[in-house]
Every structure is written in structure tokens, then in C-alpha cells.
Amino acid sequence: MTTLPKTRSRIQIQRVWPLVDCARYPAKRSLGDEVDVWADVFSDGHDVLRAAVRYRPPGARRFLEAQLVPVGNDRWRGSFAVFIPSRTDQ
């Protein structure tokens, strides 16, 4: 039996976009499209934060990462292109 932690995490990630039906389904785009990602990321201290979105192209086994950059007021933004991976990316 697992127990929940008694304290909340120091780092919070909220209001993630794109979001389809409360994250029940993955967001979809066409090949060649650019996917914009937004999220509110903040901490209760003065630590320097870093944020990234992890995504997996169609047919790939491994996840890739795209860095998010702060755009002000705890909002972070990033993007990545939709592509079909080559054999070396899988």
C-alpha cells in the first residue's frame, strides 16, 4: 500500500497547454506542424528553475526534450516540430 506524501511538492506545474479533455487524450498535430507548449511553473523558494517538455514522435520508443523558457509571471513557453524519426532517433 502506498501512502501520499504529507507535504506538497516544492515545485508546481499548473495550467499546462495544449490539453485535450483534461489530459484524457494526447494533443495531436500534423507532420511539419510546430507544437507550442505553455505551463505555469513555480516554486516556493528562490531556486533557479528549469523546465522542459518531453515528447515522443510517432513510431519512436524514446522521448525527446524541448526546453521551455520563462516568459514572465511564472509562465513558461516552448515548442517542438512534429516529424517522423529516422532509424537513429528510435
N, C-alpha and C. Protein backbone atom coordinates (compact mmCIF):
# COMPACT_ATOMS: atom_id res chain seq x y z
N MET A 1 0.83 -1.17 0.00
CA MET A 1 0.00 0.00 0.00
C MET A 1 0.88 1.24 0.00
N THR A 2 0.61 2.15 -0.91
CA THR A 2 1.39 3.38 -0.98
C THR A 2 0.68 4.47 -0.20
N THR A 3 1.47 5.34 0.37
CA THR A 3 0.91 6.47 1.10
C THR A 3 1.26 7.76 0.38
N LEU A 4 0.40 8.72 0.47
CA LEU A 4 0.64 10.02 -0.14
C LEU A 4 1.61 10.82 0.71
N PRO A 5 2.42 11.66 0.07
CA PRO A 5 3.32 12.49 0.86
C PRO A 5 2.53 13.47 1.73
N LYS A 6 3.06 13.81 2.88
CA LYS A 6 2.36 14.69 3.80
C LYS A 6 2.49 16.16 3.42
N THR A 7 3.48 16.48 2.62
CA THR A 7 3.66 17.86 2.19
C THR A 7 3.55 17.94 0.68
N ARG A 8 3.19 19.10 0.20
CA ARG A 8 3.11 19.32 -1.24
C ARG A 8 4.51 19.49 -1.81
N SER A 9 4.64 19.19 -3.08
CA SER A 9 5.92 19.36 -3.76
C SER A 9 6.30 20.83 -3.77
N ARG A 10 7.56 21.10 -3.66
CA ARG A 10 8.02 22.49 -3.69
C ARG A 10 7.87 23.10 -5.06
N ILE A 11 7.94 22.28 -6.12
CA ILE A 11 7.80 22.80 -7.48
C ILE A 11 6.40 22.45 -7.97
N GLN A 12 5.70 23.43 -8.50
CA GLN A 12 4.35 23.24 -9.01
C GLN A 12 4.33 23.46 -10.51
N ILE A 13 3.63 22.59 -11.23
CA ILE A 13 3.41 22.73 -12.67
C ILE A 13 1.89 22.75 -12.85
N GLN A 14 1.38 23.86 -13.34
CA GLN A 14 -0.07 24.03 -13.47
C GLN A 14 -0.40 24.65 -14.82
N ARG A 15 -1.68 24.59 -15.18
CA ARG A 15 -2.23 25.20 -16.39
C ARG A 15 -1.42 24.84 -17.63
N VAL A 16 -1.19 23.57 -17.83
CA VAL A 16 -0.44 23.08 -18.99
C VAL A 16 -1.32 23.19 -20.24
N TRP A 17 -0.74 23.63 -21.33
CA TRP A 17 -1.44 23.73 -22.61
C TRP A 17 -0.53 23.21 -23.71
N PRO A 18 -0.92 22.44 -24.68
CA PRO A 18 -2.29 22.05 -25.01
C PRO A 18 -2.78 20.92 -24.11
N LEU A 19 -4.07 20.93 -23.87
CA LEU A 19 -4.70 19.95 -23.01
C LEU A 19 -6.01 19.53 -23.67
N VAL A 20 -6.20 18.25 -23.87
CA VAL A 20 -7.41 17.73 -24.52
C VAL A 20 -8.21 16.92 -23.51
N ASP A 21 -9.42 17.38 -23.23
CA ASP A 21 -10.35 16.68 -22.34
C ASP A 21 -9.68 16.31 -21.01
N CYS A 22 -9.13 17.32 -20.34
CA CYS A 22 -8.48 17.15 -19.03
C CYS A 22 -7.34 16.12 -19.08
N ALA A 23 -6.58 16.11 -20.15
CA ALA A 23 -5.43 15.22 -20.38
C ALA A 23 -5.83 13.77 -20.59
N ARG A 24 -7.09 13.54 -20.89
CA ARG A 24 -7.55 12.18 -21.16
C ARG A 24 -6.99 11.68 -22.50
N TYR A 25 -6.77 12.59 -23.45
CA TYR A 25 -6.28 12.23 -24.77
C TYR A 25 -5.05 13.08 -25.10
N PRO A 26 -4.14 12.54 -25.92
CA PRO A 26 -2.98 13.34 -26.31
C PRO A 26 -3.37 14.41 -27.33
N ALA A 27 -2.68 15.54 -27.28
CA ALA A 27 -2.88 16.57 -28.29
C ALA A 27 -2.28 16.06 -29.59
N LYS A 28 -2.93 16.34 -30.71
CA LYS A 28 -2.46 15.83 -31.99
C LYS A 28 -2.20 16.97 -32.96
N ARG A 29 -1.19 16.79 -33.78
CA ARG A 29 -0.83 17.74 -34.83
C ARG A 29 -0.43 16.95 -36.06
N SER A 30 -0.29 17.65 -37.19
CA SER A 30 0.12 17.02 -38.45
C SER A 30 1.63 17.15 -38.63
N LEU A 31 2.19 16.29 -39.48
CA LEU A 31 3.63 16.36 -39.78
C LEU A 31 3.99 17.76 -40.26
N GLY A 32 5.10 18.26 -39.76
CA GLY A 32 5.57 19.58 -40.14
C GLY A 32 5.02 20.70 -39.26
N ASP A 33 3.99 20.43 -38.48
CA ASP A 33 3.43 21.46 -37.59
C ASP A 33 4.38 21.73 -36.43
N GLU A 34 4.29 22.93 -35.91
CA GLU A 34 5.02 23.31 -34.71
C GLU A 34 4.03 23.24 -33.55
N VAL A 35 4.42 22.55 -32.48
CA VAL A 35 3.56 22.42 -31.31
C VAL A 35 4.04 23.40 -30.25
N ASP A 36 3.20 24.36 -29.92
CA ASP A 36 3.51 25.30 -28.85
C ASP A 36 3.04 24.71 -27.53
N VAL A 37 3.86 24.85 -26.50
CA VAL A 37 3.56 24.32 -25.17
C VAL A 37 3.70 25.46 -24.17
N TRP A 38 2.71 25.59 -23.28
CA TRP A 38 2.73 26.59 -22.23
C TRP A 38 2.46 25.91 -20.89
N ALA A 39 3.02 26.45 -19.83
CA ALA A 39 2.72 25.95 -18.48
C ALA A 39 3.14 27.00 -17.46
N ASP A 40 2.46 26.99 -16.33
CA ASP A 40 2.87 27.81 -15.19
C ASP A 40 3.74 26.92 -14.31
N VAL A 41 4.99 27.32 -14.11
CA VAL A 41 5.95 26.55 -13.31
C VAL A 41 6.51 27.49 -12.25
N PHE A 42 6.38 27.09 -10.98
CA PHE A 42 6.89 27.96 -9.92
C PHE A 42 7.26 27.12 -8.70
N SER A 43 7.98 27.77 -7.80
CA SER A 43 8.47 27.10 -6.58
C SER A 43 8.22 28.02 -5.40
N ASP A 44 8.25 27.45 -4.20
CA ASP A 44 8.02 28.26 -3.01
C ASP A 44 9.30 28.91 -2.48
N GLY A 45 10.42 28.68 -3.13
CA GLY A 45 11.68 29.26 -2.69
C GLY A 45 12.27 30.16 -3.76
N HIS A 46 13.56 30.37 -3.68
CA HIS A 46 14.26 31.21 -4.63
C HIS A 46 15.17 30.40 -5.53
N ASP A 47 14.89 29.11 -5.67
CA ASP A 47 15.70 28.25 -6.51
C ASP A 47 15.57 28.68 -7.97
N VAL A 48 16.64 28.46 -8.73
CA VAL A 48 16.59 28.70 -10.17
C VAL A 48 15.93 27.49 -10.80
N LEU A 49 14.87 27.73 -11.55
CA LEU A 49 14.12 26.63 -12.15
C LEU A 49 14.52 26.40 -13.59
N ARG A 50 14.29 25.20 -14.05
CA ARG A 50 14.47 24.80 -15.45
C ARG A 50 13.27 23.94 -15.79
N ALA A 51 12.74 24.11 -17.00
CA ALA A 51 11.57 23.33 -17.39
C ALA A 51 11.77 22.81 -18.81
N ALA A 52 11.19 21.65 -19.08
CA ALA A 52 11.27 21.05 -20.41
C ALA A 52 9.99 20.25 -20.66
N VAL A 53 9.65 20.11 -21.93
CA VAL A 53 8.53 19.25 -22.30
C VAL A 53 9.12 18.00 -22.92
N ARG A 54 8.62 16.85 -22.52
CA ARG A 54 9.07 15.57 -23.10
C ARG A 54 8.01 15.11 -24.07
N TYR A 55 8.44 14.73 -25.27
CA TYR A 55 7.51 14.28 -26.30
C TYR A 55 8.11 13.10 -27.05
N ARG A 56 7.24 12.33 -27.68
CA ARG A 56 7.70 11.16 -28.42
C ARG A 56 7.09 11.21 -29.82
N PRO A 57 7.93 11.27 -30.86
CA PRO A 57 7.42 11.27 -32.24
C PRO A 57 6.73 9.95 -32.57
N PRO A 58 5.87 9.94 -33.57
CA PRO A 58 5.19 8.69 -33.96
C PRO A 58 6.20 7.61 -34.32
N GLY A 59 6.04 6.44 -33.76
CA GLY A 59 6.92 5.32 -34.06
C GLY A 59 8.21 5.28 -33.26
N ALA A 60 8.50 6.31 -32.49
CA ALA A 60 9.73 6.34 -31.70
C ALA A 60 9.52 5.65 -30.36
N ARG A 61 10.58 5.09 -29.80
CA ARG A 61 10.50 4.45 -28.48
C ARG A 61 10.95 5.40 -27.37
N ARG A 62 11.90 6.27 -27.71
CA ARG A 62 12.46 7.17 -26.71
C ARG A 62 11.79 8.55 -26.77
N PHE A 63 11.71 9.19 -25.62
CA PHE A 63 11.21 10.54 -25.54
C PHE A 63 12.32 11.52 -25.88
N LEU A 64 11.95 12.64 -26.46
CA LEU A 64 12.85 13.75 -26.72
C LEU A 64 12.44 14.90 -25.80
N GLU A 65 13.32 15.88 -25.63
CA GLU A 65 13.02 17.03 -24.78
C GLU A 65 13.18 18.32 -25.53
N ALA A 66 12.27 19.26 -25.28
CA ALA A 66 12.40 20.62 -25.78
C ALA A 66 12.39 21.54 -24.56
N GLN A 67 13.36 22.42 -24.46
CA GLN A 67 13.46 23.32 -23.31
C GLN A 67 12.34 24.35 -23.33
N LEU A 68 11.84 24.68 -22.16
CA LEU A 68 10.90 25.77 -22.01
C LEU A 68 11.67 26.98 -21.49
N VAL A 69 11.24 28.16 -21.90
CA VAL A 69 11.89 29.39 -21.45
C VAL A 69 10.87 30.23 -20.70
N PRO A 70 11.32 30.92 -19.65
CA PRO A 70 10.38 31.75 -18.90
C PRO A 70 9.98 32.98 -19.72
N VAL A 71 8.69 33.29 -19.72
CA VAL A 71 8.21 34.46 -20.45
C VAL A 71 7.60 35.49 -19.51
N GLY A 72 7.72 35.26 -18.21
CA GLY A 72 7.26 36.22 -17.22
C GLY A 72 6.08 35.73 -16.41
N ASN A 73 6.05 36.16 -15.15
CA ASN A 73 4.95 35.87 -14.24
C ASN A 73 4.68 34.37 -14.10
N ASP A 74 5.75 33.58 -13.94
CA ASP A 74 5.69 32.12 -13.75
C ASP A 74 5.26 31.33 -14.99
N ARG A 75 5.06 31.97 -16.11
CA ARG A 75 4.64 31.28 -17.34
C ARG A 75 5.89 30.90 -18.13
N TRP A 76 5.90 29.65 -18.62
CA TRP A 76 7.00 29.12 -19.42
C TRP A 76 6.44 28.70 -20.77
N ARG A 77 7.27 28.83 -21.82
CA ARG A 77 6.83 28.51 -23.17
C ARG A 77 7.93 27.75 -23.90
N GLY A 78 7.50 26.84 -24.75
CA GLY A 78 8.44 26.10 -25.60
C GLY A 78 7.70 25.57 -26.81
N SER A 79 8.43 24.96 -27.71
CA SER A 79 7.79 24.37 -28.89
C SER A 79 8.70 23.28 -29.45
N PHE A 80 8.08 22.44 -30.27
CA PHE A 80 8.83 21.41 -30.98
C PHE A 80 8.10 21.11 -32.27
N ALA A 81 8.83 20.58 -33.25
CA ALA A 81 8.26 20.27 -34.56
C ALA A 81 7.83 18.80 -34.60
N VAL A 82 6.74 18.53 -35.29
CA VAL A 82 6.25 17.16 -35.48
C VAL A 82 6.98 16.58 -36.68
N PHE A 83 7.65 15.44 -36.50
CA PHE A 83 8.40 14.81 -37.58
C PHE A 83 8.38 13.30 -37.41
N ILE A 84 8.74 12.60 -38.46
CA ILE A 84 8.91 11.14 -38.38
C ILE A 84 10.38 10.88 -38.13
N PRO A 85 10.71 10.16 -37.05
CA PRO A 85 12.11 9.96 -36.71
C PRO A 85 12.82 9.03 -37.69
N SER A 86 14.12 9.29 -37.85
CA SER A 86 14.93 8.37 -38.64
C SER A 86 15.25 7.16 -37.78
N ARG A 87 15.88 6.14 -38.36
CA ARG A 87 16.19 4.93 -37.60
C ARG A 87 17.13 5.21 -36.42
N THR A 88 18.00 6.21 -36.53
CA THR A 88 18.92 6.52 -35.44
C THR A 88 18.21 7.20 -34.27
N ASP A 89 17.06 7.85 -34.51
CA ASP A 89 16.32 8.53 -33.44
C ASP A 89 15.48 7.56 -32.62
N GLN A 90 15.20 6.37 -33.14
CA GLN A 90 14.34 5.44 -32.47
C GLN A 90 15.10 4.74 -31.40
